[in-house]
């Protein structure tokens, strides 16, 4: 799995991506249930555009990926680890926390 993860990261960091890079991503990201579901619902050309624009970013534990009110301009896929989402219902109410399996970030190593 380590070699596959390193290959994914290498391809994700490439700019611009070639058609061979896109094909590699299609093959190696089949393990990700979000992308697998997208591939079942959208035409190949749409998926290729998504894969062409995927990038890579690494986050550290406790690092905020985005904050309430931020413009939704990115789509995150967790390659390894997990992400927690904290949201305030009201200032006077306690914070609630929900685990999500997808939300490219690695915030907590397992």
Protein backbone atom coordinates (compact mmCIF):
# COMPACT_ATOMS: atom_id res chain seq x y z
CA UNK A 1 0.00 0.00 0.00
CA UNK A 2 2.90 2.36 0.75
CA UNK A 3 4.18 2.12 -2.85
CA UNK A 4 0.68 2.74 -4.23
CA UNK A 5 0.24 5.78 -1.95
CA UNK A 6 3.61 7.21 -3.05
CA UNK A 7 2.67 6.72 -6.71
CA UNK A 8 -0.70 8.45 -6.17
CA UNK A 9 1.01 11.41 -4.48
CA UNK A 10 3.62 11.68 -7.24
CA UNK A 11 0.94 11.78 -9.95
CA UNK A 12 -1.29 14.17 -7.98
CA UNK A 13 1.59 16.65 -7.64
CA UNK A 14 2.24 16.72 -11.42
CA UNK A 15 1.17 19.84 -13.32
CA UNK A 16 -0.04 19.55 -16.01
CA UNK A 17 -1.16 15.92 -16.01
CA UNK A 18 -0.76 13.84 -19.17
CA UNK A 19 -3.34 11.37 -20.46
CA UNK A 20 -1.12 8.60 -19.03
CA UNK A 21 -1.25 10.30 -15.61
CA UNK A 22 -5.06 10.42 -15.79
CA UNK A 23 -5.19 6.73 -16.71
CA UNK A 24 -2.88 5.87 -13.78
CA UNK A 25 -5.13 7.81 -11.41
CA UNK A 26 -8.21 6.04 -12.79
CA UNK A 27 -6.61 2.66 -12.09
CA UNK A 28 -5.10 3.31 -8.67
CA UNK A 29 -7.96 5.35 -7.21
CA UNK A 30 -10.47 2.53 -7.74
CA UNK A 31 -9.98 1.63 -4.06
CA UNK A 32 -11.54 4.96 -3.02
CA UNK A 33 -15.30 4.55 -2.62
CA UNK A 34 -16.06 8.21 -3.45
CA UNK A 35 -14.30 8.10 -6.81
CA UNK A 36 -15.59 4.60 -7.52
CA UNK A 37 -19.17 5.85 -7.00
CA UNK A 38 -18.54 8.90 -9.18
CA UNK A 39 -17.26 6.64 -11.97
CA UNK A 40 -20.54 4.70 -11.82
CA UNK A 41 -22.65 7.86 -12.14
CA UNK A 42 -20.78 10.16 -14.53
CA UNK A 43 -19.37 9.80 -18.05
CA UNK A 44 -15.69 9.06 -18.49
CA UNK A 45 -15.00 12.56 -19.87
CA UNK A 46 -16.37 14.18 -16.68
CA UNK A 47 -14.25 11.90 -14.48
CA UNK A 48 -11.17 12.69 -16.59
CA UNK A 49 -11.69 16.44 -16.02
CA UNK A 50 -11.97 15.83 -12.26
CA UNK A 51 -8.81 13.67 -12.24
CA UNK A 52 -6.92 16.22 -14.34
CA UNK A 53 -7.54 18.90 -11.71
CA UNK A 54 -6.88 16.81 -8.61
CA UNK A 55 -3.89 17.98 -6.61
CA UNK A 56 -2.19 16.97 -3.38
CA UNK A 57 -1.95 18.68 -0.04
CA UNK A 58 -0.74 17.35 3.30
CA UNK A 59 -2.26 18.47 6.57
CA UNK A 60 -1.03 17.94 10.12
CA UNK A 61 -3.07 16.79 13.10
CA UNK A 62 -5.37 19.51 14.48
CA UNK A 63 -4.83 21.66 11.36
CA UNK A 64 -7.95 23.36 10.01
CA UNK A 65 -8.59 22.41 6.39
CA UNK A 66 -11.40 24.92 5.97
CA UNK A 67 -13.55 27.10 8.21
CA UNK A 68 -17.21 27.96 8.36
CA UNK A 69 -17.98 30.57 5.73
CA UNK A 70 -15.06 29.66 3.43
CA UNK A 71 -15.95 29.53 -0.25
CA UNK A 72 -16.34 25.91 -1.37
CA UNK A 73 -13.65 25.86 -4.03
CA UNK A 74 -11.98 22.51 -3.25
CA UNK A 75 -12.99 18.87 -3.00
CA UNK A 76 -11.06 16.79 -0.46
CA UNK A 77 -10.37 13.06 -0.58
CA UNK A 78 -8.59 11.46 2.37
CA UNK A 79 -5.86 9.11 1.15
CA UNK A 80 -4.73 7.93 4.57
CA UNK A 81 -5.96 8.63 8.09
CA UNK A 82 -9.14 10.41 9.09
CA UNK A 83 -10.65 13.86 9.36
CA UNK A 84 -12.93 15.28 12.03
CA UNK A 85 -15.54 17.90 11.33
CA UNK A 86 -16.34 20.32 14.13
CA UNK A 87 -19.30 22.63 13.83
CA UNK A 88 -20.83 25.16 16.19
CA UNK A 89 -24.61 24.97 16.33
CA UNK A 90 -24.91 28.22 18.29
CA UNK A 91 -22.29 30.10 20.27
CA UNK A 92 -24.03 29.10 23.52
CA UNK A 93 -24.24 25.38 22.63
CA UNK A 94 -21.36 22.92 22.89
CA UNK A 95 -19.39 21.90 19.85
CA UNK A 96 -20.43 18.66 18.24
CA UNK A 97 -18.04 16.37 16.43
CA UNK A 98 -18.74 13.90 13.64
CA UNK A 99 -16.31 11.54 11.95
CA UNK A 100 -16.38 11.44 8.18
CA UNK A 101 -14.72 8.95 5.87
CA UNK A 102 -14.18 11.44 3.06
CA UNK A 103 -14.41 15.09 2.98
CA UNK A 104 -6.14 14.74 -0.78
CA UNK A 105 -5.50 15.08 3.22
CA UNK A 106 -3.82 13.01 5.88
CA UNK A 107 -4.60 14.54 9.26
CA UNK A 108 -4.31 11.68 11.71
CA UNK A 109 -2.14 8.64 11.06
CA UNK A 110 -3.71 5.38 12.19
